[in-house]
Amino acid sequence: MKKRGNFLFIEKNDDIYTLSMTPEMQDDIGTVGFVEYLDGDTLNVDDAILNLEAAKTVLELASPIAGKIVGRNEAAISEPALLNSAKTEENWVVKLTDVDEAAFNKLEEA
């Protein structure tokens, strides 16, 4: 099941929620050139996930849902352009668990 919020896709597989940028966001910001993950193992709604610099902007990517971080796309730190990839196995940002199912269901359908 896939939802969207804060210009991110949130895809649920079992108990893992994978967040990735929507194609619209990828187009709007341009090629990503720098990625810096913020410290911490949990996210609340609208907490910053990472800072990024792209061709058209510098921004702080905010989480549309709360949860426990169980994975970060570490490859994007050394190869930031992966976040611009069309391949979901390359362009993900973080993976979460302990997400409130009701909060996830309230998000917009993707």
N, C-alpha and C. Protein backbone atom coordinates (compact mmCIF):
# COMPACT_ATOMS: atom_id res chain seq x y z
N MET A 1 0.83 -1.17 0.00
CA MET A 1 0.00 0.00 0.00
C MET A 1 0.89 1.24 0.00
N LYS A 2 0.53 2.23 -0.83
CA LYS A 2 1.35 3.42 -0.96
C LYS A 2 0.50 4.66 -0.72
N LYS A 3 1.03 5.57 0.10
CA LYS A 3 0.39 6.85 0.41
C LYS A 3 1.37 7.96 0.07
N ARG A 4 0.92 9.20 0.24
CA ARG A 4 1.81 10.33 0.02
C ARG A 4 1.53 11.43 1.03
N GLY A 5 2.58 12.16 1.37
CA GLY A 5 2.50 13.28 2.29
C GLY A 5 3.81 14.03 2.29
N ASN A 6 3.78 15.36 2.42
CA ASN A 6 4.99 16.19 2.42
C ASN A 6 5.86 15.93 1.18
N PHE A 7 5.23 15.69 0.04
CA PHE A 7 5.92 15.41 -1.23
C PHE A 7 6.77 14.14 -1.17
N LEU A 8 6.38 13.23 -0.29
CA LEU A 8 7.05 11.94 -0.18
C LEU A 8 6.04 10.82 -0.40
N PHE A 9 6.52 9.74 -0.98
CA PHE A 9 5.75 8.50 -1.01
C PHE A 9 6.05 7.75 0.27
N ILE A 10 5.04 7.11 0.85
CA ILE A 10 5.22 6.25 2.01
C ILE A 10 4.65 4.90 1.61
N GLU A 11 5.51 3.91 1.46
CA GLU A 11 5.07 2.59 1.02
C GLU A 11 5.18 1.61 2.17
N LYS A 12 4.07 0.90 2.45
CA LYS A 12 4.04 -0.05 3.55
C LYS A 12 4.22 -1.46 3.01
N ASN A 13 5.20 -2.16 3.55
CA ASN A 13 5.44 -3.58 3.27
C ASN A 13 5.60 -4.26 4.61
N ASP A 14 4.62 -5.09 4.99
CA ASP A 14 4.58 -5.71 6.32
C ASP A 14 4.59 -4.59 7.37
N ASP A 15 5.61 -4.55 8.23
CA ASP A 15 5.68 -3.51 9.27
C ASP A 15 6.72 -2.45 8.95
N ILE A 16 7.22 -2.43 7.72
CA ILE A 16 8.24 -1.46 7.31
C ILE A 16 7.59 -0.42 6.40
N TYR A 17 7.83 0.84 6.72
CA TYR A 17 7.31 1.96 5.93
C TYR A 17 8.50 2.66 5.30
N THR A 18 8.55 2.65 3.96
CA THR A 18 9.67 3.23 3.24
C THR A 18 9.26 4.58 2.67
N LEU A 19 10.04 5.62 2.98
CA LEU A 19 9.77 6.96 2.50
C LEU A 19 10.71 7.28 1.35
N SER A 20 10.17 7.83 0.27
CA SER A 20 10.96 8.25 -0.88
C SER A 20 10.33 9.50 -1.49
N MET A 21 11.13 10.25 -2.23
CA MET A 21 10.62 11.48 -2.86
C MET A 21 9.70 11.14 -4.03
N THR A 22 8.65 11.95 -4.18
CA THR A 22 7.77 11.78 -5.34
C THR A 22 8.48 12.31 -6.58
N PRO A 23 8.07 11.86 -7.77
CA PRO A 23 8.67 12.39 -9.00
C PRO A 23 8.49 13.92 -9.10
N GLU A 24 7.37 14.43 -8.60
CA GLU A 24 7.14 15.89 -8.63
C GLU A 24 8.20 16.62 -7.82
N MET A 25 8.52 16.09 -6.65
CA MET A 25 9.56 16.72 -5.83
C MET A 25 10.92 16.61 -6.51
N GLN A 26 11.20 15.43 -7.08
CA GLN A 26 12.47 15.26 -7.78
C GLN A 26 12.61 16.30 -8.89
N ASP A 27 11.54 16.51 -9.65
CA ASP A 27 11.57 17.51 -10.73
C ASP A 27 11.72 18.93 -10.18
N ASP A 28 10.99 19.24 -9.11
CA ASP A 28 11.00 20.59 -8.55
C ASP A 28 12.36 21.00 -8.00
N ILE A 29 13.07 20.07 -7.36
CA ILE A 29 14.33 20.44 -6.72
C ILE A 29 15.55 20.27 -7.62
N GLY A 30 15.44 19.46 -8.66
CA GLY A 30 16.58 19.21 -9.54
C GLY A 30 17.50 18.14 -8.98
N THR A 31 18.66 18.03 -9.56
CA THR A 31 19.62 16.99 -9.17
C THR A 31 20.16 17.24 -7.77
N VAL A 32 20.07 16.21 -6.93
CA VAL A 32 20.55 16.31 -5.56
C VAL A 32 22.07 16.18 -5.57
N GLY A 33 22.74 17.12 -4.87
CA GLY A 33 24.20 17.12 -4.84
C GLY A 33 24.79 16.89 -3.47
N PHE A 34 23.97 16.99 -2.41
CA PHE A 34 24.47 16.82 -1.05
C PHE A 34 23.34 16.33 -0.16
N VAL A 35 23.65 15.35 0.69
CA VAL A 35 22.67 14.79 1.63
C VAL A 35 23.33 14.67 3.00
N GLU A 36 22.63 15.13 4.02
CA GLU A 36 23.11 15.00 5.40
C GLU A 36 21.94 14.56 6.27
N TYR A 37 22.02 13.34 6.79
CA TYR A 37 20.98 12.82 7.68
C TYR A 37 21.13 13.45 9.05
N LEU A 38 20.00 13.69 9.71
CA LEU A 38 20.02 14.23 11.05
C LEU A 38 20.10 13.07 12.05
N ASP A 39 20.64 13.35 13.23
CA ASP A 39 20.78 12.33 14.26
C ASP A 39 19.43 11.97 14.85
N GLY A 40 19.39 10.83 15.49
CA GLY A 40 18.17 10.40 16.15
C GLY A 40 17.62 9.13 15.53
N ASP A 41 16.90 8.38 16.35
CA ASP A 41 16.35 7.11 15.88
C ASP A 41 14.84 7.13 15.75
N THR A 42 14.21 8.25 16.12
CA THR A 42 12.76 8.36 15.99
C THR A 42 12.40 9.66 15.30
N LEU A 43 11.26 9.63 14.64
CA LEU A 43 10.73 10.81 13.96
C LEU A 43 9.32 11.07 14.44
N ASN A 44 8.99 12.32 14.64
CA ASN A 44 7.61 12.74 14.84
C ASN A 44 7.13 13.38 13.55
N VAL A 45 5.83 13.60 13.44
CA VAL A 45 5.30 14.24 12.25
C VAL A 45 5.96 15.60 12.09
N ASP A 46 6.40 15.89 10.86
CA ASP A 46 7.07 17.13 10.47
C ASP A 46 8.48 17.30 11.02
N ASP A 47 9.05 16.27 11.67
CA ASP A 47 10.46 16.31 12.05
C ASP A 47 11.32 16.24 10.80
N ALA A 48 12.47 16.88 10.85
CA ALA A 48 13.41 16.82 9.74
C ALA A 48 14.06 15.45 9.66
N ILE A 49 14.08 14.90 8.44
CA ILE A 49 14.75 13.61 8.19
C ILE A 49 16.19 13.87 7.80
N LEU A 50 16.35 14.81 6.87
CA LEU A 50 17.68 15.11 6.35
C LEU A 50 17.70 16.50 5.75
N ASN A 51 18.92 17.01 5.58
CA ASN A 51 19.14 18.25 4.84
C ASN A 51 19.68 17.85 3.49
N LEU A 52 19.21 18.55 2.46
CA LEU A 52 19.78 18.26 1.14
C LEU A 52 19.96 19.53 0.35
N GLU A 53 20.95 19.49 -0.51
CA GLU A 53 21.20 20.56 -1.46
C GLU A 53 21.01 19.98 -2.84
N ALA A 54 20.22 20.68 -3.64
CA ALA A 54 19.96 20.24 -5.00
C ALA A 54 20.19 21.41 -5.95
N ALA A 55 20.08 21.14 -7.24
CA ALA A 55 20.36 22.16 -8.25
C ALA A 55 19.51 23.41 -8.07
N LYS A 56 18.26 23.24 -7.63
CA LYS A 56 17.33 24.37 -7.56
C LYS A 56 17.02 24.85 -6.15
N THR A 57 17.49 24.15 -5.11
CA THR A 57 17.12 24.53 -3.75
C THR A 57 17.99 23.87 -2.70
N VAL A 58 17.88 24.38 -1.50
CA VAL A 58 18.43 23.76 -0.30
C VAL A 58 17.23 23.57 0.61
N LEU A 59 17.04 22.36 1.15
CA LEU A 59 15.87 22.16 1.99
C LEU A 59 16.08 21.10 3.04
N GLU A 60 15.16 21.14 4.01
CA GLU A 60 15.10 20.16 5.08
C GLU A 60 13.89 19.29 4.77
N LEU A 61 14.11 18.02 4.54
CA LEU A 61 13.02 17.10 4.21
C LEU A 61 12.32 16.69 5.50
N ALA A 62 10.99 16.90 5.55
CA ALA A 62 10.22 16.62 6.77
C ALA A 62 9.40 15.35 6.63
N SER A 63 9.26 14.63 7.72
CA SER A 63 8.52 13.37 7.72
C SER A 63 7.01 13.60 7.85
N PRO A 64 6.22 12.94 7.01
CA PRO A 64 4.76 13.06 7.12
C PRO A 64 4.16 12.15 8.19
N ILE A 65 4.98 11.23 8.73
CA ILE A 65 4.50 10.30 9.76
C ILE A 65 5.55 10.13 10.84
N ALA A 66 5.10 9.66 11.99
CA ALA A 66 6.01 9.38 13.11
C ALA A 66 6.37 7.90 13.10
N GLY A 67 7.57 7.61 13.57
CA GLY A 67 8.00 6.21 13.65
C GLY A 67 9.44 6.09 14.08
N LYS A 68 9.89 4.84 14.19
CA LYS A 68 11.28 4.54 14.58
C LYS A 68 12.08 4.27 13.31
N ILE A 69 13.21 4.95 13.17
CA ILE A 69 14.06 4.77 11.99
C ILE A 69 14.81 3.44 12.10
N VAL A 70 14.61 2.57 11.11
CA VAL A 70 15.32 1.29 11.10
C VAL A 70 16.28 1.19 9.91
N GLY A 71 16.28 2.22 9.05
CA GLY A 71 17.21 2.22 7.93
C GLY A 71 17.29 3.60 7.30
N ARG A 72 18.50 3.97 6.91
CA ARG A 72 18.75 5.21 6.16
C ARG A 72 19.45 4.82 4.87
N ASN A 73 19.16 5.53 3.82
CA ASN A 73 19.82 5.24 2.54
C ASN A 73 21.23 5.84 2.59
N GLU A 74 22.13 5.11 3.25
CA GLU A 74 23.51 5.58 3.44
C GLU A 74 24.23 5.80 2.11
N ALA A 75 23.85 5.05 1.08
CA ALA A 75 24.49 5.20 -0.23
C ALA A 75 24.27 6.61 -0.78
N ALA A 76 23.16 7.25 -0.40
CA ALA A 76 22.85 8.60 -0.89
C ALA A 76 23.80 9.65 -0.32
N ILE A 77 24.48 9.34 0.78
CA ILE A 77 25.44 10.29 1.34
C ILE A 77 26.62 10.46 0.39
N SER A 78 27.15 9.35 -0.11
CA SER A 78 28.29 9.43 -1.03
C SER A 78 27.86 9.60 -2.48
N GLU A 79 26.61 9.25 -2.78
CA GLU A 79 26.08 9.38 -4.15
C GLU A 79 24.68 10.00 -4.10
N PRO A 80 24.59 11.31 -3.77
CA PRO A 80 23.31 11.97 -3.55
C PRO A 80 22.34 11.88 -4.71
N ALA A 81 22.83 11.80 -5.93
CA ALA A 81 21.95 11.74 -7.11
C ALA A 81 21.07 10.49 -7.11
N LEU A 82 21.38 9.50 -6.26
CA LEU A 82 20.51 8.32 -6.15
C LEU A 82 19.08 8.73 -5.80
N LEU A 83 18.93 9.81 -5.04
CA LEU A 83 17.59 10.26 -4.65
C LEU A 83 16.78 10.75 -5.84
N ASN A 84 17.45 11.01 -6.97
CA ASN A 84 16.76 11.41 -8.20
C ASN A 84 16.41 10.21 -9.08
N SER A 85 16.84 9.04 -8.70
CA SER A 85 16.61 7.85 -9.51
C SER A 85 15.12 7.51 -9.60
N ALA A 86 14.73 6.91 -10.71
CA ALA A 86 13.36 6.42 -10.86
C ALA A 86 13.20 5.05 -10.20
N LYS A 87 14.31 4.42 -9.83
CA LYS A 87 14.27 3.08 -9.24
C LYS A 87 14.03 3.18 -7.74
N THR A 88 12.96 2.52 -7.26
CA THR A 88 12.61 2.60 -5.85
C THR A 88 13.67 1.99 -4.94
N GLU A 89 14.44 1.04 -5.44
CA GLU A 89 15.48 0.45 -4.61
C GLU A 89 16.67 1.39 -4.43
N GLU A 90 16.72 2.48 -5.19
CA GLU A 90 17.81 3.45 -5.08
C GLU A 90 17.37 4.77 -4.45
N ASN A 91 16.11 5.19 -4.66
CA ASN A 91 15.72 6.55 -4.30
C ASN A 91 15.04 6.69 -2.93
N TRP A 92 15.04 5.63 -2.13
CA TRP A 92 14.40 5.73 -0.82
C TRP A 92 15.25 6.59 0.12
N VAL A 93 14.56 7.16 1.13
CA VAL A 93 15.23 8.05 2.07
C VAL A 93 15.44 7.36 3.42
N VAL A 94 14.34 6.93 4.03
CA VAL A 94 14.42 6.21 5.31
C VAL A 94 13.38 5.10 5.35
N LYS A 95 13.60 4.16 6.25
CA LYS A 95 12.63 3.09 6.53
C LYS A 95 12.24 3.20 7.99
N LEU A 96 10.93 3.10 8.26
CA LEU A 96 10.40 3.26 9.61
C LEU A 96 9.62 2.03 10.06
N THR A 97 9.57 1.83 11.37
CA THR A 97 8.65 0.87 12.00
C THR A 97 7.93 1.64 13.11
N ASP A 98 7.06 0.94 13.84
CA ASP A 98 6.31 1.55 14.94
C ASP A 98 5.52 2.78 14.48
N VAL A 99 4.92 2.67 13.29
CA VAL A 99 4.11 3.75 12.73
C VAL A 99 2.65 3.52 13.13
N ASP A 100 1.98 4.60 13.51
CA ASP A 100 0.57 4.52 13.85
C ASP A 100 -0.23 4.25 12.57
N GLU A 101 -0.86 3.07 12.52
CA GLU A 101 -1.61 2.65 11.34
C GLU A 101 -2.70 3.64 10.97
N ALA A 102 -3.39 4.20 11.96
CA ALA A 102 -4.46 5.16 11.69
C ALA A 102 -3.90 6.43 11.05
N ALA A 103 -2.75 6.88 11.52
CA ALA A 103 -2.11 8.08 10.93
C ALA A 103 -1.70 7.80 9.49
N PHE A 104 -1.17 6.60 9.22
CA PHE A 104 -0.78 6.23 7.87
C PHE A 104 -2.02 6.21 6.96
N ASN A 105 -3.11 5.62 7.45
CA ASN A 105 -4.33 5.51 6.64
C ASN A 105 -4.95 6.85 6.33
N LYS A 106 -4.69 7.88 7.14
CA LYS A 106 -5.24 9.21 6.89
C LYS A 106 -4.50 9.96 5.79
N LEU A 107 -3.32 9.48 5.43
CA LEU A 107 -2.54 10.14 4.37
C LEU A 107 -3.23 9.95 3.02
N GLU A 108 -2.92 10.85 2.10
CA GLU A 108 -3.49 10.81 0.75
C GLU A 108 -3.04 9.56 0.00
N GLU A 109 -3.96 8.98 -0.77
CA GLU A 109 -3.61 7.83 -1.61
C GLU A 109 -2.59 8.26 -2.65
N ALA A 110 -1.64 7.40 -2.94
CA ALA A 110 -0.61 7.71 -3.95
C ALA A 110 -1.08 7.30 -5.33
